[in-house]
């Protein structure tokens, strides 16, 4: 099965990419969401839960600034320049992931006092809830599109047999022999590491 760049990012450099691009931002965003529900239910606008909500909101927003900047420079721009998007499925997966960070940035700006300065605490809570909801929608769209096979819309990638072998990459990151036909399973290296010749 072919992978979107979204899934490839999470699958590469295990477990670090998964932690950096999924675990940390999702844990922080879920902390914001859970504390948000508690605050909305209890109407306790002050206290440690609200403090945790603010801290998580600021940290996740600033974190997403870094993620978005990094992925734009190191993934989106190079992939676009090279024309290597793996159909619209790939574009949706990556773009919704990046767009999902924007509401978290807005939460950080609000909690830092830059956005909605004159709004009441109730109104600010309402904005927070809207931003969290928008984040959840885009995060789930990214996950759904990210897990889809781009071949559904005609992408013929590294796993297809009609591409030259020099374009095939092994799971351990090494390239197959530079010949004009794919290697048969019996010719493929069966272990990771070492020098395959």
N, C-alpha and C. Protein backbone atom coordinates (compact mmCIF):
# COMPACT_ATOMS: atom_id res chain seq x y z
N UNK A 1 0.84 -1.19 0.00
CA UNK A 1 0.00 0.00 0.00
C UNK A 1 0.87 1.25 0.00
N UNK A 2 0.49 2.23 -0.79
CA UNK A 2 1.19 3.51 -0.82
C UNK A 2 0.78 4.36 0.38
N UNK A 3 1.67 5.25 0.78
CA UNK A 3 1.38 6.12 1.92
C UNK A 3 1.33 7.57 1.48
N UNK A 4 0.51 8.34 2.18
CA UNK A 4 0.55 9.80 2.01
C UNK A 4 1.82 10.30 2.68
N UNK A 5 2.21 11.52 2.35
CA UNK A 5 3.37 12.12 3.02
C UNK A 5 3.11 12.28 4.52
N UNK A 6 1.85 12.49 4.90
CA UNK A 6 1.46 12.59 6.30
C UNK A 6 1.83 11.31 7.05
N UNK A 7 1.41 10.16 6.52
CA UNK A 7 1.69 8.89 7.17
C UNK A 7 3.18 8.56 7.10
N UNK A 8 3.80 8.91 5.99
CA UNK A 8 5.23 8.66 5.84
C UNK A 8 6.02 9.44 6.89
N UNK A 9 5.60 10.68 7.14
CA UNK A 9 6.25 11.50 8.16
C UNK A 9 6.16 10.82 9.52
N UNK A 10 4.96 10.33 9.87
CA UNK A 10 4.77 9.70 11.18
C UNK A 10 5.47 8.36 11.29
N UNK A 11 5.62 7.65 10.16
CA UNK A 11 6.22 6.32 10.17
C UNK A 11 7.75 6.37 10.13
N UNK A 12 8.30 7.49 9.68
CA UNK A 12 9.75 7.63 9.55
C UNK A 12 10.36 8.03 10.90
N UNK A 13 11.59 7.61 11.14
CA UNK A 13 12.35 8.02 12.33
C UNK A 13 11.61 7.66 13.62
N UNK A 14 11.09 6.43 13.67
CA UNK A 14 10.32 5.99 14.84
C UNK A 14 11.18 5.96 16.09
N UNK A 15 10.70 6.32 17.26
CA UNK A 15 9.37 6.84 17.52
C UNK A 15 9.31 8.37 17.51
N UNK A 16 10.43 9.00 17.14
CA UNK A 16 10.56 10.45 17.34
C UNK A 16 9.57 11.28 16.52
N UNK A 17 9.41 10.98 15.24
CA UNK A 17 8.46 11.76 14.44
C UNK A 17 7.03 11.60 14.97
N UNK A 18 6.70 10.40 15.39
CA UNK A 18 5.37 10.15 15.95
C UNK A 18 5.16 10.98 17.21
N UNK A 19 6.18 11.05 18.03
CA UNK A 19 6.10 11.84 19.27
C UNK A 19 6.02 13.33 18.95
N UNK A 20 6.92 13.81 18.08
CA UNK A 20 7.02 15.24 17.78
C UNK A 20 5.79 15.77 17.04
N UNK A 21 5.37 15.04 16.00
CA UNK A 21 4.31 15.55 15.13
C UNK A 21 2.90 15.07 15.49
N UNK A 22 2.79 14.07 16.37
CA UNK A 22 1.46 13.58 16.73
C UNK A 22 1.23 13.60 18.24
N UNK A 23 2.06 12.88 18.99
CA UNK A 23 1.80 12.71 20.42
C UNK A 23 1.79 14.03 21.18
N UNK A 24 2.84 14.82 21.07
CA UNK A 24 2.93 16.06 21.85
C UNK A 24 1.81 17.03 21.49
N UNK A 25 1.61 17.38 20.21
CA UNK A 25 0.53 18.32 19.92
C UNK A 25 -0.86 17.79 20.27
N UNK A 26 -1.10 16.48 20.08
CA UNK A 26 -2.42 15.94 20.39
C UNK A 26 -2.66 15.90 21.89
N UNK A 27 -1.66 15.52 22.68
CA UNK A 27 -1.81 15.50 24.13
C UNK A 27 -2.09 16.91 24.65
N UNK A 28 -1.36 17.90 24.14
CA UNK A 28 -1.59 19.29 24.57
C UNK A 28 -2.97 19.77 24.13
N UNK A 29 -3.36 19.49 22.90
CA UNK A 29 -4.67 19.92 22.39
C UNK A 29 -5.79 19.23 23.14
N UNK A 30 -5.62 17.94 23.45
CA UNK A 30 -6.65 17.22 24.22
C UNK A 30 -6.73 17.75 25.65
N UNK A 31 -5.61 18.16 26.20
CA UNK A 31 -5.62 18.79 27.53
C UNK A 31 -6.45 20.06 27.49
N UNK A 32 -6.26 20.86 26.44
CA UNK A 32 -7.07 22.07 26.27
C UNK A 32 -8.54 21.70 26.14
N UNK A 33 -8.85 20.70 25.33
CA UNK A 33 -10.24 20.30 25.09
C UNK A 33 -10.92 19.78 26.36
N UNK A 34 -10.23 18.92 27.11
CA UNK A 34 -10.81 18.32 28.32
C UNK A 34 -11.02 19.39 29.39
N UNK A 35 -10.02 20.23 29.60
CA UNK A 35 -10.19 21.28 30.61
C UNK A 35 -11.25 22.29 30.17
N UNK A 36 -11.36 22.49 28.87
CA UNK A 36 -12.39 23.39 28.32
C UNK A 36 -13.78 22.87 28.67
N UNK A 37 -14.00 21.57 28.49
CA UNK A 37 -15.29 20.97 28.83
C UNK A 37 -15.60 21.11 30.31
N UNK A 38 -14.59 20.91 31.13
CA UNK A 38 -14.77 21.05 32.58
C UNK A 38 -15.17 22.48 32.93
N UNK A 39 -14.47 23.44 32.35
CA UNK A 39 -14.75 24.85 32.64
C UNK A 39 -16.14 25.23 32.14
N UNK A 40 -16.50 24.78 30.96
CA UNK A 40 -17.84 25.07 30.43
C UNK A 40 -18.94 24.46 31.29
N UNK A 41 -18.69 23.26 31.81
CA UNK A 41 -19.70 22.57 32.62
C UNK A 41 -19.83 23.19 34.01
N UNK A 42 -18.69 23.49 34.65
CA UNK A 42 -18.72 23.99 36.03
C UNK A 42 -18.82 25.52 36.11
N UNK A 43 -18.48 26.20 35.02
CA UNK A 43 -18.41 27.67 34.99
C UNK A 43 -17.39 28.22 35.98
N UNK A 44 -16.40 27.41 36.35
CA UNK A 44 -15.32 27.87 37.22
C UNK A 44 -14.27 28.52 36.32
N UNK A 45 -14.31 29.84 36.24
CA UNK A 45 -13.43 30.58 35.35
C UNK A 45 -12.06 30.87 35.97
N UNK A 46 -11.88 30.45 37.21
CA UNK A 46 -10.60 30.65 37.90
C UNK A 46 -10.24 29.36 38.62
N UNK A 47 -8.97 29.18 38.91
CA UNK A 47 -8.51 27.97 39.60
C UNK A 47 -7.49 27.22 38.76
N UNK A 48 -7.05 26.07 39.29
CA UNK A 48 -5.95 25.34 38.67
C UNK A 48 -6.33 24.74 37.31
N UNK A 49 -7.59 24.38 37.13
CA UNK A 49 -8.00 23.81 35.84
C UNK A 49 -7.91 24.88 34.75
N UNK A 50 -8.36 26.08 35.08
CA UNK A 50 -8.27 27.19 34.12
C UNK A 50 -6.81 27.54 33.84
N UNK A 51 -5.97 27.48 34.89
CA UNK A 51 -4.54 27.75 34.71
C UNK A 51 -3.90 26.70 33.79
N UNK A 52 -4.25 25.43 34.00
CA UNK A 52 -3.75 24.35 33.16
C UNK A 52 -4.22 24.54 31.71
N UNK A 53 -5.48 24.95 31.56
CA UNK A 53 -6.05 25.21 30.24
C UNK A 53 -5.26 26.29 29.52
N UNK A 54 -4.93 27.37 30.23
CA UNK A 54 -4.16 28.47 29.63
C UNK A 54 -2.75 28.04 29.26
N UNK A 55 -2.08 27.35 30.17
CA UNK A 55 -0.70 26.92 29.92
C UNK A 55 -0.66 25.98 28.72
N UNK A 56 -1.55 24.98 28.71
CA UNK A 56 -1.60 24.03 27.58
C UNK A 56 -1.93 24.76 26.28
N UNK A 57 -2.84 25.74 26.34
CA UNK A 57 -3.21 26.51 25.15
C UNK A 57 -2.05 27.31 24.59
N UNK A 58 -1.29 27.95 25.45
CA UNK A 58 -0.14 28.74 25.01
C UNK A 58 0.95 27.82 24.44
N UNK A 59 1.24 26.75 25.17
CA UNK A 59 2.31 25.84 24.73
C UNK A 59 1.96 25.19 23.39
N UNK A 60 0.72 24.67 23.24
CA UNK A 60 0.35 24.00 21.99
C UNK A 60 0.32 24.99 20.83
N UNK A 61 -0.12 26.22 21.07
CA UNK A 61 -0.13 27.22 20.01
C UNK A 61 1.27 27.56 19.52
N UNK A 62 2.18 27.78 20.46
CA UNK A 62 3.56 28.09 20.10
C UNK A 62 4.23 26.87 19.44
N UNK A 63 3.88 25.69 19.92
CA UNK A 63 4.42 24.46 19.35
C UNK A 63 4.00 24.32 17.89
N UNK A 64 2.72 24.63 17.61
CA UNK A 64 2.23 24.55 16.24
C UNK A 64 2.87 25.59 15.33
N UNK A 65 3.26 26.74 15.87
CA UNK A 65 3.99 27.72 15.05
C UNK A 65 5.27 27.07 14.53
N UNK A 66 5.97 26.38 15.41
CA UNK A 66 7.21 25.69 15.02
C UNK A 66 6.96 24.57 14.03
N UNK A 67 5.94 23.75 14.30
CA UNK A 67 5.63 22.62 13.40
C UNK A 67 5.26 23.12 12.00
N UNK A 68 4.37 24.12 11.96
CA UNK A 68 3.92 24.64 10.66
C UNK A 68 5.10 25.22 9.88
N UNK A 69 5.92 26.03 10.55
CA UNK A 69 7.09 26.62 9.87
C UNK A 69 8.03 25.53 9.37
N UNK A 70 8.30 24.53 10.21
CA UNK A 70 9.22 23.46 9.83
C UNK A 70 8.68 22.67 8.64
N UNK A 71 7.41 22.28 8.70
CA UNK A 71 6.84 21.46 7.61
C UNK A 71 6.67 22.24 6.32
N UNK A 72 6.36 23.53 6.41
CA UNK A 72 6.27 24.33 5.19
C UNK A 72 7.62 24.38 4.48
N UNK A 73 8.68 24.62 5.24
CA UNK A 73 10.02 24.75 4.65
C UNK A 73 10.60 23.42 4.20
N UNK A 74 10.36 22.36 4.98
CA UNK A 74 11.03 21.09 4.73
C UNK A 74 10.18 20.04 4.03
N UNK A 75 8.88 20.29 3.90
CA UNK A 75 8.02 19.31 3.23
C UNK A 75 7.17 19.94 2.14
N UNK A 76 6.31 20.89 2.52
CA UNK A 76 5.34 21.43 1.57
C UNK A 76 6.01 22.11 0.37
N UNK A 77 6.95 23.00 0.63
CA UNK A 77 7.60 23.72 -0.48
C UNK A 77 8.41 22.76 -1.36
N UNK A 78 9.27 21.89 -0.79
CA UNK A 78 10.02 20.98 -1.66
C UNK A 78 9.13 20.00 -2.43
N UNK A 79 8.09 19.48 -1.79
CA UNK A 79 7.19 18.53 -2.47
C UNK A 79 6.46 19.24 -3.61
N UNK A 80 6.02 20.47 -3.35
CA UNK A 80 5.31 21.23 -4.37
C UNK A 80 6.23 21.56 -5.54
N UNK A 81 7.45 22.01 -5.25
CA UNK A 81 8.40 22.35 -6.31
C UNK A 81 8.73 21.14 -7.17
N UNK A 82 8.84 19.97 -6.53
CA UNK A 82 9.20 18.75 -7.26
C UNK A 82 7.99 18.09 -7.91
N UNK A 83 6.79 18.60 -7.63
CA UNK A 83 5.57 18.01 -8.18
C UNK A 83 5.35 16.59 -7.69
N UNK A 84 5.62 16.34 -6.41
CA UNK A 84 5.58 14.98 -5.86
C UNK A 84 4.37 14.70 -4.97
N UNK A 85 3.32 15.52 -5.07
CA UNK A 85 2.12 15.24 -4.29
C UNK A 85 1.50 13.95 -4.79
N UNK A 86 1.04 13.14 -3.88
CA UNK A 86 0.47 11.82 -4.21
C UNK A 86 -1.05 11.91 -4.28
N UNK A 87 -1.52 12.63 -5.25
CA UNK A 87 -2.94 12.92 -5.51
C UNK A 87 -3.50 13.89 -4.48
N UNK A 88 -4.76 14.26 -4.67
CA UNK A 88 -5.43 15.22 -3.79
C UNK A 88 -5.57 14.67 -2.37
N UNK A 89 -5.57 13.35 -2.22
CA UNK A 89 -5.63 12.74 -0.88
C UNK A 89 -4.44 13.21 -0.06
N UNK A 90 -3.27 13.20 -0.66
CA UNK A 90 -2.04 13.63 0.00
C UNK A 90 -2.11 15.11 0.37
N UNK A 91 -2.57 15.92 -0.55
CA UNK A 91 -2.69 17.37 -0.32
C UNK A 91 -3.65 17.64 0.84
N UNK A 92 -4.79 16.95 0.85
CA UNK A 92 -5.78 17.14 1.93
C UNK A 92 -5.18 16.73 3.27
N UNK A 93 -4.49 15.60 3.32
CA UNK A 93 -3.91 15.12 4.57
C UNK A 93 -2.93 16.13 5.17
N UNK A 94 -2.01 16.60 4.35
CA UNK A 94 -0.99 17.53 4.84
C UNK A 94 -1.60 18.90 5.16
N UNK A 95 -2.43 19.41 4.25
CA UNK A 95 -2.97 20.76 4.45
C UNK A 95 -3.92 20.83 5.65
N UNK A 96 -4.74 19.81 5.87
CA UNK A 96 -5.65 19.85 7.02
C UNK A 96 -4.87 19.72 8.33
N UNK A 97 -3.77 18.98 8.31
CA UNK A 97 -2.91 18.90 9.50
C UNK A 97 -2.36 20.29 9.83
N UNK A 98 -1.86 20.98 8.81
CA UNK A 98 -1.30 22.32 9.03
C UNK A 98 -2.37 23.33 9.41
N UNK A 99 -3.52 23.29 8.73
CA UNK A 99 -4.62 24.22 9.03
C UNK A 99 -5.12 23.99 10.45
N UNK A 100 -5.13 22.72 10.89
CA UNK A 100 -5.57 22.40 12.24
C UNK A 100 -4.76 23.08 13.33
N UNK A 101 -3.53 23.45 13.01
CA UNK A 101 -2.70 24.15 13.99
C UNK A 101 -3.10 25.60 14.19
N UNK A 102 -3.79 26.19 13.21
CA UNK A 102 -4.14 27.62 13.28
C UNK A 102 -5.07 27.93 14.46
N UNK A 103 -6.14 27.15 14.70
CA UNK A 103 -6.96 27.45 15.87
C UNK A 103 -6.19 27.34 17.19
N UNK A 104 -5.21 26.45 17.24
CA UNK A 104 -4.39 26.33 18.45
C UNK A 104 -3.52 27.58 18.63
N UNK A 105 -3.05 28.12 17.52
CA UNK A 105 -2.27 29.37 17.58
C UNK A 105 -3.17 30.51 18.05
N UNK A 106 -4.42 30.54 17.57
CA UNK A 106 -5.37 31.57 18.01
C UNK A 106 -5.66 31.46 19.49
N UNK A 107 -5.75 30.23 20.01
CA UNK A 107 -5.94 30.03 21.46
C UNK A 107 -4.75 30.60 22.22
N UNK A 108 -3.54 30.33 21.74
CA UNK A 108 -2.34 30.86 22.40
C UNK A 108 -2.35 32.38 22.39
N UNK A 109 -2.70 32.97 21.24
CA UNK A 109 -2.74 34.43 21.16
C UNK A 109 -3.78 35.02 22.11
N UNK A 110 -4.90 34.32 22.24
CA UNK A 110 -5.93 34.80 23.17
C UNK A 110 -5.43 34.69 24.61
N UNK A 111 -4.82 33.56 24.95
CA UNK A 111 -4.34 33.36 26.33
C UNK A 111 -3.15 34.24 26.68
N UNK A 112 -2.44 34.71 25.65
CA UNK A 112 -1.34 35.66 25.88
C UNK A 112 -1.82 37.10 25.91
N UNK A 113 -3.12 37.31 25.68
CA UNK A 113 -3.70 38.64 25.74
C UNK A 113 -3.54 39.45 24.47
N UNK A 114 -3.19 38.80 23.37
CA UNK A 114 -3.02 39.51 22.09
C UNK A 114 -4.33 39.59 21.34
N UNK A 115 -5.15 38.56 21.44
CA UNK A 115 -6.40 38.43 20.70
C UNK A 115 -7.59 38.53 21.66
N UNK A 116 -8.65 39.18 21.22
CA UNK A 116 -9.90 39.33 22.02
C UNK A 116 -9.64 39.99 23.38
N UNK A 117 -8.81 41.02 23.38
CA UNK A 117 -8.44 41.68 24.64
C UNK A 117 -9.64 42.22 25.41
N UNK A 118 -10.56 42.84 24.70
CA UNK A 118 -11.68 43.48 25.38
C UNK A 118 -12.85 42.56 25.69
N UNK A 119 -12.76 41.31 25.30
CA UNK A 119 -13.89 40.38 25.49
C UNK A 119 -13.99 39.95 26.95
N UNK A 120 -15.22 39.65 27.37
CA UNK A 120 -15.44 39.14 28.72
C UNK A 120 -14.89 37.72 28.83
N UNK A 121 -14.75 37.25 30.09
CA UNK A 121 -14.26 35.88 30.30
C UNK A 121 -15.19 34.86 29.65
N UNK A 122 -16.49 35.11 29.72
CA UNK A 122 -17.48 34.21 29.10
C UNK A 122 -17.28 34.17 27.59
N UNK A 123 -17.09 35.32 27.01
CA UNK A 123 -16.91 35.41 25.55
C UNK A 123 -15.60 34.73 25.15
N UNK A 124 -14.55 34.94 25.92
CA UNK A 124 -13.27 34.30 25.64
C UNK A 124 -13.39 32.78 25.71
N UNK A 125 -14.18 32.32 26.67
CA UNK A 125 -14.42 30.89 26.81
C UNK A 125 -15.13 30.35 25.57
N UNK A 126 -16.06 31.13 25.06
CA UNK A 126 -16.77 30.76 23.84
C UNK A 126 -15.84 30.66 22.64
N UNK A 127 -14.93 31.64 22.50
CA UNK A 127 -13.95 31.60 21.42
C UNK A 127 -13.06 30.36 21.55
N UNK A 128 -12.63 30.11 22.77
CA UNK A 128 -11.79 28.93 23.05
C UNK A 128 -12.48 27.66 22.56
N UNK A 129 -13.74 27.51 22.93
CA UNK A 129 -14.50 26.31 22.56
C UNK A 129 -14.63 26.18 21.04
N UNK A 130 -14.86 27.30 20.36
CA UNK A 130 -14.95 27.28 18.89
C UNK A 130 -13.62 26.86 18.27
N UNK A 131 -12.51 27.41 18.78
CA UNK A 131 -11.19 27.07 18.25
C UNK A 131 -10.86 25.60 18.47
N UNK A 132 -11.21 25.08 19.65
CA UNK A 132 -10.98 23.66 19.93
C UNK A 132 -11.78 22.79 18.96
N UNK A 133 -13.04 23.15 18.74
CA UNK A 133 -13.90 22.39 17.81
C UNK A 133 -13.32 22.39 16.40
N UNK A 134 -12.85 23.55 15.94
CA UNK A 134 -12.26 23.65 14.60
C UNK A 134 -11.01 22.78 14.51
N UNK A 135 -10.18 22.83 15.56
CA UNK A 135 -8.98 21.99 15.59
C UNK A 135 -9.35 20.51 15.46
N UNK A 136 -10.33 20.06 16.24
CA UNK A 136 -10.72 18.65 16.22
C UNK A 136 -11.21 18.21 14.84
N UNK A 137 -11.98 19.08 14.18
CA UNK A 137 -12.47 18.75 12.83
C UNK A 137 -11.29 18.56 11.87
N UNK A 138 -10.38 19.53 11.85
CA UNK A 138 -9.25 19.45 10.91
C UNK A 138 -8.27 18.33 11.27
N UNK A 139 -8.05 18.10 12.56
CA UNK A 139 -7.15 17.02 12.98
C UNK A 139 -7.70 15.67 12.53
N UNK A 140 -9.00 15.48 12.65
CA UNK A 140 -9.59 14.21 12.23
C UNK A 140 -9.62 14.07 10.71
N UNK A 141 -9.85 15.15 10.00
CA UNK A 141 -9.76 15.11 8.54
C UNK A 141 -8.34 14.71 8.10
N UNK A 142 -7.34 15.28 8.77
CA UNK A 142 -5.95 14.95 8.46
C UNK A 142 -5.68 13.47 8.69
N UNK A 143 -6.18 12.94 9.80
CA UNK A 143 -5.95 11.53 10.11
C UNK A 143 -6.63 10.61 9.10
N UNK A 144 -7.87 10.94 8.75
CA UNK A 144 -8.62 10.10 7.80
C UNK A 144 -7.95 10.13 6.43
N UNK A 145 -7.67 11.32 5.92
CA UNK A 145 -7.01 11.43 4.62
C UNK A 145 -5.60 10.85 4.68
N UNK A 146 -4.92 11.08 5.79
CA UNK A 146 -3.55 10.59 5.94
C UNK A 146 -3.44 9.08 5.89
N UNK A 147 -4.47 8.39 6.39
CA UNK A 147 -4.44 6.92 6.40
C UNK A 147 -4.95 6.31 5.10
N UNK A 148 -5.52 7.13 4.23
CA UNK A 148 -6.04 6.62 2.95
C UNK A 148 -4.88 6.32 2.00
N UNK A 149 -5.11 5.39 1.10
CA UNK A 149 -4.12 5.02 0.09
C UNK A 149 -4.28 5.95 -1.12
N UNK A 150 -3.24 6.72 -1.46
CA UNK A 150 -3.33 7.62 -2.62
C UNK A 150 -3.63 6.88 -3.92
N UNK A 151 -3.39 5.58 -3.97
CA UNK A 151 -3.68 4.80 -5.17
C UNK A 151 -5.17 4.77 -5.48
N UNK A 152 -6.01 5.10 -4.48
CA UNK A 152 -7.45 5.18 -4.71
C UNK A 152 -7.78 6.18 -5.82
N UNK A 153 -6.94 7.21 -5.94
CA UNK A 153 -7.15 8.21 -6.99
C UNK A 153 -6.10 8.11 -8.09
N UNK A 154 -5.48 6.94 -8.21
CA UNK A 154 -4.60 6.69 -9.35
C UNK A 154 -3.11 6.86 -9.12
N UNK A 155 -2.68 7.15 -7.89
CA UNK A 155 -1.24 7.31 -7.64
C UNK A 155 -0.53 5.97 -7.82
N UNK A 156 0.56 6.01 -8.58
CA UNK A 156 1.39 4.82 -8.76
C UNK A 156 2.74 5.14 -8.16
N UNK A 157 2.95 4.68 -6.96
CA UNK A 157 4.16 5.06 -6.25
C UNK A 157 5.21 3.99 -6.19
N UNK A 158 5.93 4.01 -5.11
CA UNK A 158 7.09 3.15 -4.93
C UNK A 158 6.73 1.67 -4.96
N UNK A 159 5.51 1.33 -4.63
CA UNK A 159 5.12 -0.07 -4.59
C UNK A 159 4.66 -0.62 -5.92
N UNK A 160 4.50 0.25 -6.93
CA UNK A 160 4.01 -0.24 -8.22
C UNK A 160 5.13 -0.90 -9.00
N UNK A 161 4.79 -1.89 -9.83
CA UNK A 161 5.80 -2.65 -10.56
C UNK A 161 6.15 -2.05 -11.90
N UNK A 162 5.52 -0.94 -12.28
CA UNK A 162 5.84 -0.38 -13.58
C UNK A 162 6.83 0.77 -13.49
N UNK A 163 7.36 1.02 -12.29
CA UNK A 163 8.36 2.07 -12.13
C UNK A 163 9.76 1.46 -12.15
N UNK A 164 10.76 2.19 -12.60
CA UNK A 164 12.13 1.68 -12.55
C UNK A 164 12.55 1.41 -11.11
N UNK A 165 13.40 0.42 -10.94
CA UNK A 165 13.82 0.03 -9.60
C UNK A 165 14.57 1.13 -8.88
N UNK A 166 15.25 2.01 -9.64
CA UNK A 166 16.01 3.05 -8.95
C UNK A 166 15.11 4.01 -8.20
N UNK A 167 13.79 3.93 -8.43
CA UNK A 167 12.86 4.79 -7.72
C UNK A 167 12.24 4.08 -6.52
N UNK A 168 12.59 2.83 -6.28
CA UNK A 168 12.05 2.06 -5.17
C UNK A 168 12.96 2.21 -3.96
N UNK A 169 12.36 2.47 -2.82
CA UNK A 169 13.11 2.60 -1.58
C UNK A 169 12.73 1.46 -0.65
N UNK A 170 13.70 0.84 -0.05
CA UNK A 170 13.46 -0.25 0.89
C UNK A 170 13.01 0.32 2.23
N UNK A 171 12.35 -0.51 3.07
CA UNK A 171 11.91 -0.02 4.38
C UNK A 171 13.03 0.52 5.24
N UNK A 172 14.27 0.02 5.05
CA UNK A 172 15.38 0.52 5.85
C UNK A 172 15.99 1.78 5.26
N UNK A 173 15.37 2.34 4.21
CA UNK A 173 15.81 3.60 3.64
C UNK A 173 16.81 3.47 2.51
N UNK A 174 17.35 2.26 2.27
CA UNK A 174 18.31 2.09 1.20
C UNK A 174 17.60 1.90 -0.12
N UNK A 175 18.26 2.30 -1.19
CA UNK A 175 17.67 2.18 -2.52
C UNK A 175 17.99 0.80 -3.09
N UNK A 176 17.05 0.29 -3.92
CA UNK A 176 17.30 -0.98 -4.60
C UNK A 176 18.34 -0.74 -5.71
N UNK A 177 18.82 -1.85 -6.29
CA UNK A 177 19.79 -1.76 -7.38
C UNK A 177 19.27 -0.86 -8.49
N UNK A 178 20.15 -0.10 -9.09
CA UNK A 178 19.77 0.85 -10.13
C UNK A 178 19.69 0.14 -11.48
N UNK A 179 18.58 -0.59 -11.68
CA UNK A 179 18.33 -1.28 -12.93
C UNK A 179 16.97 -0.86 -13.44
N UNK A 180 16.64 -1.20 -14.67
CA UNK A 180 15.40 -0.72 -15.26
C UNK A 180 14.21 -1.62 -14.97
N UNK A 181 14.39 -2.68 -14.16
CA UNK A 181 13.26 -3.53 -13.82
C UNK A 181 13.25 -3.73 -12.31
N UNK A 182 12.07 -3.97 -11.73
CA UNK A 182 11.99 -4.19 -10.29
C UNK A 182 12.69 -5.49 -9.90
N UNK A 183 13.20 -5.54 -8.68
CA UNK A 183 13.81 -6.76 -8.18
C UNK A 183 12.71 -7.72 -7.77
N UNK A 184 12.93 -9.00 -7.96
CA UNK A 184 11.96 -9.98 -7.49
C UNK A 184 12.13 -10.15 -5.99
N UNK A 185 11.12 -10.67 -5.28
CA UNK A 185 11.23 -10.84 -3.83
C UNK A 185 12.45 -11.65 -3.42
N UNK A 186 12.87 -12.62 -4.26
CA UNK A 186 14.03 -13.43 -3.89
C UNK A 186 15.34 -12.65 -3.99
N UNK A 187 15.35 -11.53 -4.74
CA UNK A 187 16.55 -10.72 -4.87
C UNK A 187 16.65 -9.64 -3.81
N UNK A 188 15.54 -9.34 -3.13
CA UNK A 188 15.53 -8.25 -2.16
C UNK A 188 16.28 -8.62 -0.90
N UNK A 189 17.01 -7.67 -0.32
CA UNK A 189 17.71 -7.93 0.94
C UNK A 189 16.69 -8.26 2.02
N UNK A 190 16.97 -9.22 2.84
CA UNK A 190 16.00 -9.68 3.84
C UNK A 190 16.32 -9.19 5.24
N UNK A 191 17.37 -8.42 5.43
CA UNK A 191 17.68 -7.92 6.76
C UNK A 191 17.98 -6.43 6.67
N UNK A 192 17.85 -5.77 7.84
CA UNK A 192 18.11 -4.32 7.89
C UNK A 192 19.57 -4.09 8.27
N UNK A 193 20.07 -2.94 7.86
CA UNK A 193 21.44 -2.57 8.20
C UNK A 193 22.43 -3.23 7.26
N UNK A 194 23.67 -2.90 7.43
CA UNK A 194 24.70 -3.49 6.59
C UNK A 194 24.70 -2.88 5.20
N UNK A 195 25.59 -3.34 4.37
CA UNK A 195 25.70 -2.82 3.02
C UNK A 195 25.13 -3.84 2.05
N UNK A 196 24.01 -3.52 1.37
CA UNK A 196 23.38 -4.44 0.45
C UNK A 196 23.93 -4.22 -0.96
N UNK A 197 24.57 -5.21 -1.50
CA UNK A 197 25.09 -5.09 -2.86
C UNK A 197 24.72 -6.31 -3.65
